[in-house]
Amino acid sequence: MPINTLHAVWRVIKLVTLAVAGINLGWLLPWALLVALERVSASVGLLCAYMPLIGLALYFKAGCTETA
């Protein structure tokens, strides 16, 4: 594999890793803390935490077959 291709792959991997870390720390962790501290019920916390993630998955068509 050419070095330019490896560099491009590494850039994508790094971007995805940072995005996942940002979602986990910036969005899911606060909801988990609110549920753990009993500030919101578990069902409300679950809905509020995962609705935006489901929306992103639908927007980006996660799981669909890619066309070349």
C-alpha atoms as a PDB file:
ATOM      1  CA  MET A   1       0.000   0.000   0.000  1.00  0.00           C
ATOM      2  CA  PRO A   2       1.484   3.397  -0.937  1.00  0.00           C
ATOM      3  CA  ILE A   3       2.453   5.735   1.889  1.00  0.00           C
ATOM      4  CA  ASN A   4      -0.113   8.346   0.759  1.00  0.00           C
ATOM      5  CA  THR A   5      -2.900   5.795   1.099  1.00  0.00           C
ATOM      6  CA  LEU A   6      -1.713   4.788   4.564  1.00  0.00           C
ATOM      7  CA  HIS A   7      -1.602   8.431   5.591  1.00  0.00           C
ATOM      8  CA  ALA A   8      -5.185   8.952   4.380  1.00  0.00           C
ATOM      9  CA  VAL A   9      -6.390   5.850   6.210  1.00  0.00           C
ATOM     10  CA  TRP A  10      -4.672   6.947   9.420  1.00  0.00           C
ATOM     11  CA  ARG A  11      -6.288  10.397   9.143  1.00  0.00           C
ATOM     12  CA  VAL A  12      -9.759   8.826   8.902  1.00  0.00           C
ATOM     13  CA  ILE A  13      -9.065   6.460  11.798  1.00  0.00           C
ATOM     14  CA  LYS A  14      -7.887   9.355  13.937  1.00  0.00           C
ATOM     15  CA  LEU A  15     -10.943  11.461  13.042  1.00  0.00           C
ATOM     16  CA  VAL A  16     -13.368   8.650  13.876  1.00  0.00           C
ATOM     17  CA  THR A  17     -11.587   7.902  17.160  1.00  0.00           C
ATOM     18  CA  LEU A  18     -11.753  11.554  18.229  1.00  0.00           C
ATOM     19  CA  ALA A  19     -15.426  11.787  17.220  1.00  0.00           C
ATOM     20  CA  VAL A  20     -16.328   8.697  19.258  1.00  0.00           C
ATOM     21  CA  ALA A  21     -14.378   9.988  22.266  1.00  0.00           C
ATOM     22  CA  GLY A  22     -16.107  13.355  21.970  1.00  0.00           C
ATOM     23  CA  ILE A  23     -19.566  11.782  21.842  1.00  0.00           C
ATOM     24  CA  ASN A  24     -18.799   9.512  24.790  1.00  0.00           C
ATOM     25  CA  LEU A  25     -17.313  12.220  27.002  1.00  0.00           C
ATOM     26  CA  GLY A  26     -19.356  15.206  25.878  1.00  0.00           C
ATOM     27  CA  TRP A  27     -22.805  13.674  25.451  1.00  0.00           C
ATOM     28  CA  LEU A  28     -23.177  10.198  26.965  1.00  0.00           C
ATOM     29  CA  LEU A  29     -21.140  10.700  30.155  1.00  0.00           C
ATOM     30  CA  PRO A  30     -23.224  13.664  31.396  1.00  0.00           C
ATOM     31  CA  TRP A  31     -26.441  11.693  30.866  1.00  0.00           C
ATOM     32  CA  ALA A  32     -24.945   8.693  32.656  1.00  0.00           C
ATOM     33  CA  LEU A  33     -23.989  10.906  35.591  1.00  0.00           C
ATOM     34  CA  LEU A  34     -27.465  12.444  35.759  1.00  0.00           C
ATOM     35  CA  VAL A  35     -29.017   8.980  35.858  1.00  0.00           C
ATOM     36  CA  ALA A  36     -26.484   7.695  38.401  1.00  0.00           C
ATOM     37  CA  LEU A  37     -27.105  10.703  40.661  1.00  0.00           C
ATOM     38  CA  GLU A  38     -30.866  10.160  40.212  1.00  0.00           C
ATOM     39  CA  ARG A  39     -31.419  13.649  38.759  1.00  0.00           C
ATOM     40  CA  VAL A  40     -33.389  12.072  35.891  1.00  0.00           C
ATOM     41  CA  SER A  41     -35.033   8.681  35.597  1.00  0.00           C
ATOM     42  CA  ALA A  42     -33.263   5.913  33.730  1.00  0.00           C
ATOM     43  CA  SER A  43     -35.828   5.837  30.931  1.00  0.00           C
ATOM     44  CA  VAL A  44     -35.618   9.614  30.357  1.00  0.00           C
ATOM     45  CA  GLY A  45     -31.825   9.459  30.435  1.00  0.00           C
ATOM     46  CA  LEU A  46     -31.806   6.613  27.952  1.00  0.00           C
ATOM     47  CA  LEU A  47     -34.119   8.404  25.527  1.00  0.00           C
ATOM     48  CA  CYS A  48     -32.257  11.720  25.785  1.00  0.00           C
ATOM     49  CA  ALA A  49     -28.856  10.072  25.385  1.00  0.00           C
ATOM     50  CA  TYR A  50     -29.648   7.872  22.409  1.00  0.00           C
ATOM     51  CA  MET A  51     -32.135   9.866  20.311  1.00  0.00           C
ATOM     52  CA  PRO A  52     -29.425  12.138  18.807  1.00  0.00           C
ATOM     53  CA  LEU A  53     -27.222   9.089  18.139  1.00  0.00           C
ATOM     54  CA  ILE A  54     -30.062   7.345  16.328  1.00  0.00           C
ATOM     55  CA  GLY A  55     -30.655  10.536  14.359  1.00  0.00           C
ATOM     56  CA  LEU A  56     -26.997  10.650  13.315  1.00  0.00           C
ATOM     57  CA  ALA A  57     -27.083   6.997  12.288  1.00  0.00           C
ATOM     58  CA  LEU A  58     -30.150   7.617  10.134  1.00  0.00           C
ATOM     59  CA  TYR A  59     -28.680  10.801   8.639  1.00  0.00           C
ATOM     60  CA  PHE A  60     -25.421   9.093   7.665  1.00  0.00           C
ATOM     61  CA  LYS A  61     -27.259   5.908   6.575  1.00  0.00           C
ATOM     62  CA  ALA A  62     -25.277   3.706   8.939  1.00  0.00           C
ATOM     63  CA  GLY A  63     -25.416   0.048   7.986  1.00  0.00           C
ATOM     64  CA  CYS A  64     -26.473   0.639   4.386  1.00  0.00           C
ATOM     65  CA  THR A  65     -24.522  -0.820   1.514  1.00  0.00           C
ATOM     66  CA  GLU A  66     -22.118   1.663  -0.058  1.00  0.00           C
ATOM     67  CA  THR A  67     -22.195   2.302  -3.778  1.00  0.00           C
ATOM     68  CA  ALA A  68     -18.883   2.557  -5.595  1.00  0.00           C
END
